């Protein structure tokens, strides 16, 4: 049961992330062009990745 909830949550989060970043990119293209819209979208994505990596470093390391 728990693994099904986790899998569903991960898949929903990935789909929402793709939708949010795609919407941001498409909203920025008309006003700033493809290149600038891509740069902004990648920076927003990076702003989410960096804290995630830093928090993952704080997870306990358990050798089984």
N, C-alpha and C. Protein backbone atom coordinates (compact mmCIF):
# COMPACT_ATOMS: atom_id res chain seq x y z
N UNK A 1 0.82 -1.19 0.00
CA UNK A 1 0.00 0.00 0.00
C UNK A 1 0.87 1.25 0.00
N UNK A 2 1.87 1.29 0.88
CA UNK A 2 2.73 2.47 0.98
C UNK A 2 3.51 2.75 -0.28
N UNK A 3 4.00 1.69 -0.93
CA UNK A 3 4.79 1.91 -2.15
C UNK A 3 3.90 2.41 -3.29
N UNK A 4 2.65 2.01 -3.31
CA UNK A 4 1.73 2.51 -4.33
C UNK A 4 1.45 3.99 -4.16
N UNK A 5 1.30 4.42 -2.92
CA UNK A 5 1.08 5.84 -2.64
C UNK A 5 2.31 6.65 -3.04
N UNK A 6 3.48 6.12 -2.71
CA UNK A 6 4.72 6.82 -3.05
C UNK A 6 4.90 6.93 -4.56
N UNK A 7 4.65 5.85 -5.28
CA UNK A 7 4.78 5.86 -6.73
C UNK A 7 3.79 6.84 -7.36
N UNK A 8 2.57 6.83 -6.88
CA UNK A 8 1.56 7.75 -7.40
C UNK A 8 1.94 9.19 -7.14
N UNK A 9 2.46 9.47 -5.96
CA UNK A 9 2.88 10.83 -5.61
C UNK A 9 4.04 11.28 -6.49
N UNK A 10 5.01 10.40 -6.72
CA UNK A 10 6.14 10.75 -7.58
C UNK A 10 5.68 11.03 -9.01
N UNK A 11 4.81 10.20 -9.53
CA UNK A 11 4.34 10.39 -10.90
C UNK A 11 3.53 11.68 -11.03
N UNK A 12 2.70 11.96 -10.05
CA UNK A 12 1.91 13.20 -10.08
C UNK A 12 2.82 14.42 -10.00
N UNK A 13 3.83 14.36 -9.15
CA UNK A 13 4.76 15.48 -9.01
C UNK A 13 5.53 15.72 -10.30
N UNK A 14 5.97 14.63 -10.96
CA UNK A 14 6.69 14.79 -12.23
C UNK A 14 5.79 15.40 -13.30
N UNK A 15 4.55 14.95 -13.37
CA UNK A 15 3.62 15.48 -14.37
C UNK A 15 3.32 16.95 -14.11
N UNK A 16 3.13 17.31 -12.85
CA UNK A 16 2.85 18.71 -12.51
C UNK A 16 4.08 19.58 -12.78
N UNK A 17 5.27 19.05 -12.54
CA UNK A 17 6.49 19.81 -12.82
C UNK A 17 6.66 20.07 -14.30
N UNK A 18 6.41 19.07 -15.11
CA UNK A 18 6.51 19.25 -16.56
C UNK A 18 5.47 20.25 -17.04
N UNK A 19 4.26 20.14 -16.52
CA UNK A 19 3.19 21.06 -16.93
C UNK A 19 3.51 22.50 -16.51
N UNK A 20 4.02 22.67 -15.29
CA UNK A 20 4.33 24.01 -14.79
C UNK A 20 5.47 24.65 -15.58
N UNK A 21 6.54 23.89 -15.81
CA UNK A 21 7.67 24.44 -16.56
C UNK A 21 7.31 24.69 -18.03
N UNK A 22 6.52 23.79 -18.60
CA UNK A 22 6.07 24.00 -19.98
C UNK A 22 5.18 25.23 -20.11
N UNK A 23 4.29 25.42 -19.14
CA UNK A 23 3.42 26.60 -19.15
C UNK A 23 4.23 27.88 -18.99
N UNK A 24 5.22 27.84 -18.09
CA UNK A 24 6.08 29.01 -17.90
C UNK A 24 6.81 29.35 -19.20
N UNK A 25 7.40 28.33 -19.82
CA UNK A 25 8.13 28.55 -21.07
C UNK A 25 7.22 29.14 -22.14
N UNK A 26 6.05 28.54 -22.33
CA UNK A 26 5.14 29.01 -23.37
C UNK A 26 4.58 30.39 -23.08
N UNK A 27 4.47 30.74 -21.80
CA UNK A 27 4.00 32.08 -21.45
C UNK A 27 5.07 33.14 -21.71
N UNK A 28 6.34 32.75 -21.59
CA UNK A 28 7.43 33.71 -21.77
C UNK A 28 7.85 33.90 -23.22
N UNK A 29 7.62 32.91 -24.07
CA UNK A 29 8.09 32.97 -25.46
C UNK A 29 7.59 34.19 -26.22
N UNK A 30 6.29 34.51 -26.19
CA UNK A 30 5.84 35.65 -27.01
C UNK A 30 6.50 36.98 -26.63
N UNK A 31 6.76 37.18 -25.35
CA UNK A 31 7.31 38.46 -24.93
C UNK A 31 8.81 38.57 -24.99
N UNK A 32 9.51 37.45 -24.80
CA UNK A 32 10.96 37.55 -24.69
C UNK A 32 11.73 36.68 -25.68
N UNK A 33 11.06 35.89 -26.46
CA UNK A 33 11.74 35.05 -27.44
C UNK A 33 12.12 33.70 -26.85
N UNK A 34 12.46 32.78 -27.75
CA UNK A 34 12.75 31.40 -27.35
C UNK A 34 13.96 31.30 -26.42
N UNK A 35 15.03 31.99 -26.77
CA UNK A 35 16.27 31.85 -26.01
C UNK A 35 16.09 32.33 -24.57
N UNK A 36 15.55 33.52 -24.40
CA UNK A 36 15.36 34.07 -23.06
C UNK A 36 14.35 33.26 -22.26
N UNK A 37 13.31 32.78 -22.91
CA UNK A 37 12.32 31.96 -22.22
C UNK A 37 12.95 30.65 -21.75
N UNK A 38 13.81 30.07 -22.57
CA UNK A 38 14.50 28.84 -22.18
C UNK A 38 15.44 29.09 -21.00
N UNK A 39 16.17 30.18 -21.03
CA UNK A 39 17.08 30.50 -19.94
C UNK A 39 16.33 30.68 -18.63
N UNK A 40 15.24 31.43 -18.66
CA UNK A 40 14.45 31.64 -17.44
C UNK A 40 13.87 30.33 -16.94
N UNK A 41 13.34 29.52 -17.82
CA UNK A 41 12.77 28.24 -17.43
C UNK A 41 13.82 27.32 -16.82
N UNK A 42 15.00 27.28 -17.41
CA UNK A 42 16.08 26.46 -16.86
C UNK A 42 16.55 26.97 -15.50
N UNK A 43 16.58 28.28 -15.32
CA UNK A 43 16.95 28.85 -14.02
C UNK A 43 15.92 28.51 -12.95
N UNK A 44 14.65 28.54 -13.31
CA UNK A 44 13.60 28.16 -12.36
C UNK A 44 13.74 26.69 -11.99
N UNK A 45 14.02 25.86 -12.97
CA UNK A 45 14.21 24.43 -12.70
C UNK A 45 15.44 24.22 -11.81
N UNK A 46 16.50 24.93 -12.09
CA UNK A 46 17.71 24.83 -11.27
C UNK A 46 17.45 25.29 -9.84
N UNK A 47 16.61 26.30 -9.69
CA UNK A 47 16.26 26.79 -8.35
C UNK A 47 15.52 25.73 -7.54
N UNK A 48 14.90 24.78 -8.19
CA UNK A 48 14.27 23.67 -7.49
C UNK A 48 15.20 22.50 -7.26
N UNK A 49 16.14 22.31 -8.17
CA UNK A 49 17.06 21.17 -8.08
C UNK A 49 18.11 21.38 -7.00
N UNK A 50 18.67 22.57 -6.91
CA UNK A 50 19.75 22.83 -5.95
C UNK A 50 19.31 22.57 -4.51
N UNK A 51 18.18 23.11 -4.04
CA UNK A 51 17.78 22.80 -2.66
C UNK A 51 17.49 21.31 -2.45
N UNK A 52 16.96 20.66 -3.47
CA UNK A 52 16.68 19.23 -3.36
C UNK A 52 17.97 18.43 -3.16
N UNK A 53 19.00 18.77 -3.92
CA UNK A 53 20.29 18.09 -3.78
C UNK A 53 20.89 18.38 -2.40
N UNK A 54 20.83 19.62 -1.98
CA UNK A 54 21.39 19.97 -0.67
C UNK A 54 20.65 19.26 0.46
N UNK A 55 19.33 19.16 0.36
CA UNK A 55 18.58 18.45 1.40
C UNK A 55 18.86 16.95 1.36
N UNK A 56 19.10 16.41 0.17
CA UNK A 56 19.38 14.97 0.09
C UNK A 56 20.71 14.62 0.74
N UNK A 57 21.62 15.57 0.80
CA UNK A 57 22.90 15.32 1.46
C UNK A 57 22.74 15.16 2.97
N UNK A 58 21.63 15.67 3.50
CA UNK A 58 21.38 15.55 4.94
C UNK A 58 20.70 14.25 5.33
N UNK A 59 20.31 13.45 4.35
CA UNK A 59 19.67 12.16 4.66
C UNK A 59 20.68 11.24 5.31
N UNK A 60 20.21 10.41 6.24
CA UNK A 60 21.14 9.47 6.89
C UNK A 60 21.64 8.43 5.90
N UNK A 61 22.90 8.09 6.04
CA UNK A 61 23.51 7.07 5.16
C UNK A 61 23.58 5.78 5.94
N UNK A 62 22.77 4.83 5.52
CA UNK A 62 22.69 3.55 6.21
C UNK A 62 23.17 2.45 5.27
N UNK A 63 24.15 1.71 5.70
CA UNK A 63 24.64 0.59 4.90
C UNK A 63 23.94 -0.67 5.40
N UNK A 64 23.27 -1.35 4.49
CA UNK A 64 22.54 -2.56 4.89
C UNK A 64 23.32 -3.81 4.58
